[in-house]
């Protein structure tokens, strides 16, 4: 799955889809898409990622307590 860094628009290939959809994970292992060579995997904070369209990730992917009512 390709996502994009908010701050600079760089594409990041998420290696394990389960990491991105798990709300308990705050970081995902991904490869920055830069140049022709495949980059080494690195940890990327989920809070810094959006879909390539610019849309934020679903709250249920980033907040483990998304179903609890806020008071």
C-alpha atoms as a PDB file:
ATOM      1  CA  UNK A   1       0.000   0.000   0.000  1.00  0.00           C
ATOM      2  CA  UNK A   2       1.342   3.434  -0.908  1.00  0.00           C
ATOM      3  CA  UNK A   3       0.791   6.326   1.466  1.00  0.00           C
ATOM      4  CA  UNK A   4       2.228   9.824   1.525  1.00  0.00           C
ATOM      5  CA  UNK A   5       4.106  11.827   4.170  1.00  0.00           C
ATOM      6  CA  UNK A   6       2.118  14.920   5.174  1.00  0.00           C
ATOM      7  CA  UNK A   7       5.097  17.231   5.527  1.00  0.00           C
ATOM      8  CA  UNK A   8       6.745  16.753   2.136  1.00  0.00           C
ATOM      9  CA  UNK A   9       4.530  14.574  -0.070  1.00  0.00           C
ATOM     10  CA  UNK A  10       7.045  11.719  -0.277  1.00  0.00           C
ATOM     11  CA  UNK A  11       5.463   8.358  -1.087  1.00  0.00           C
ATOM     12  CA  UNK A  12       5.963   5.525   1.397  1.00  0.00           C
ATOM     13  CA  UNK A  13       5.295   1.870   0.613  1.00  0.00           C
ATOM     14  CA  UNK A  14       3.826   0.238   3.732  1.00  0.00           C
ATOM     15  CA  UNK A  15       5.327  -3.240   3.999  1.00  0.00           C
ATOM     16  CA  UNK A  16       2.765  -4.868   6.328  1.00  0.00           C
ATOM     17  CA  UNK A  17      -0.854  -3.789   5.839  1.00  0.00           C
ATOM     18  CA  UNK A  18      -1.777  -5.176   9.281  1.00  0.00           C
ATOM     19  CA  UNK A  19       0.479  -2.556  10.905  1.00  0.00           C
ATOM     20  CA  UNK A  20      -1.318   0.353   9.223  1.00  0.00           C
ATOM     21  CA  UNK A  21      -4.818  -0.830  10.123  1.00  0.00           C
ATOM     22  CA  UNK A  22      -3.973  -1.769  13.729  1.00  0.00           C
ATOM     23  CA  UNK A  23      -4.860   1.156  16.018  1.00  0.00           C
ATOM     24  CA  UNK A  24      -2.384  -0.067  18.649  1.00  0.00           C
ATOM     25  CA  UNK A  25       0.569   0.457  16.284  1.00  0.00           C
ATOM     26  CA  UNK A  26       1.914   4.036  16.307  1.00  0.00           C
ATOM     27  CA  UNK A  27       4.562   3.371  13.655  1.00  0.00           C
ATOM     28  CA  UNK A  28       4.712   1.272  10.517  1.00  0.00           C
ATOM     29  CA  UNK A  29       7.611  -0.260   8.645  1.00  0.00           C
ATOM     30  CA  UNK A  30       7.819   1.286   5.207  1.00  0.00           C
ATOM     31  CA  UNK A  31      10.083   2.088   2.287  1.00  0.00           C
ATOM     32  CA  UNK A  32      10.385   5.674   1.101  1.00  0.00           C
ATOM     33  CA  UNK A  33       9.935   5.814  -2.664  1.00  0.00           C
ATOM     34  CA  UNK A  34      12.861   7.965  -3.795  1.00  0.00           C
ATOM     35  CA  UNK A  35      14.880   7.378  -6.929  1.00  0.00           C
ATOM     36  CA  UNK A  36      15.183   4.168  -8.866  1.00  0.00           C
ATOM     37  CA  UNK A  37      16.844   2.107  -6.119  1.00  0.00           C
ATOM     38  CA  UNK A  38      14.678   0.374  -3.522  1.00  0.00           C
ATOM     39  CA  UNK A  39      15.257   2.064  -0.167  1.00  0.00           C
ATOM     40  CA  UNK A  40      15.884   0.280   3.126  1.00  0.00           C
ATOM     41  CA  UNK A  41      12.802  -0.172   5.344  1.00  0.00           C
ATOM     42  CA  UNK A  42      12.382   2.379   8.134  1.00  0.00           C
ATOM     43  CA  UNK A  43       9.861   3.110  10.875  1.00  0.00           C
ATOM     44  CA  UNK A  44       7.408   5.862   9.949  1.00  0.00           C
ATOM     45  CA  UNK A  45       4.954   7.406  12.460  1.00  0.00           C
ATOM     46  CA  UNK A  46       1.355   6.757  11.379  1.00  0.00           C
ATOM     47  CA  UNK A  47       0.392  10.309  12.403  1.00  0.00           C
ATOM     48  CA  UNK A  48       2.635  11.637   9.613  1.00  0.00           C
ATOM     49  CA  UNK A  49       0.902   9.639   6.847  1.00  0.00           C
ATOM     50  CA  UNK A  50      -2.058  10.375   4.596  1.00  0.00           C
ATOM     51  CA  UNK A  51      -3.469   8.760   1.475  1.00  0.00           C
ATOM     52  CA  UNK A  52      -1.903   9.991  -1.793  1.00  0.00           C
ATOM     53  CA  UNK A  53      -5.127  11.944  -2.404  1.00  0.00           C
ATOM     54  CA  UNK A  54      -4.369  13.980   0.741  1.00  0.00           C
ATOM     55  CA  UNK A  55      -7.159  12.366   2.751  1.00  0.00           C
ATOM     56  CA  UNK A  56      -6.331  11.521   6.384  1.00  0.00           C
ATOM     57  CA  UNK A  57      -6.136   7.914   7.531  1.00  0.00           C
ATOM     58  CA  UNK A  58      -9.335   6.601   9.149  1.00  0.00           C
ATOM     59  CA  UNK A  59      -9.511   7.327  12.879  1.00  0.00           C
ATOM     60  CA  UNK A  60     -10.006   3.615  13.622  1.00  0.00           C
ATOM     61  CA  UNK A  61      -6.510   3.003  12.172  1.00  0.00           C
ATOM     62  CA  UNK A  62      -4.721   5.497  14.434  1.00  0.00           C
ATOM     63  CA  UNK A  63      -6.773   5.761  17.645  1.00  0.00           C
ATOM     64  CA  UNK A  64      -7.174   2.600  19.746  1.00  0.00           C
ATOM     65  CA  UNK A  65      -9.964   4.264  21.750  1.00  0.00           C
ATOM     66  CA  UNK A  66     -11.961   5.599  18.802  1.00  0.00           C
ATOM     67  CA  UNK A  67     -15.170   3.912  19.946  1.00  0.00           C
ATOM     68  CA  UNK A  68     -15.163   5.425  23.430  1.00  0.00           C
ATOM     69  CA  UNK A  69     -17.245   8.543  23.880  1.00  0.00           C
ATOM     70  CA  UNK A  70     -15.323  11.679  24.711  1.00  0.00           C
ATOM     71  CA  UNK A  71     -16.536  13.588  27.757  1.00  0.00           C
END
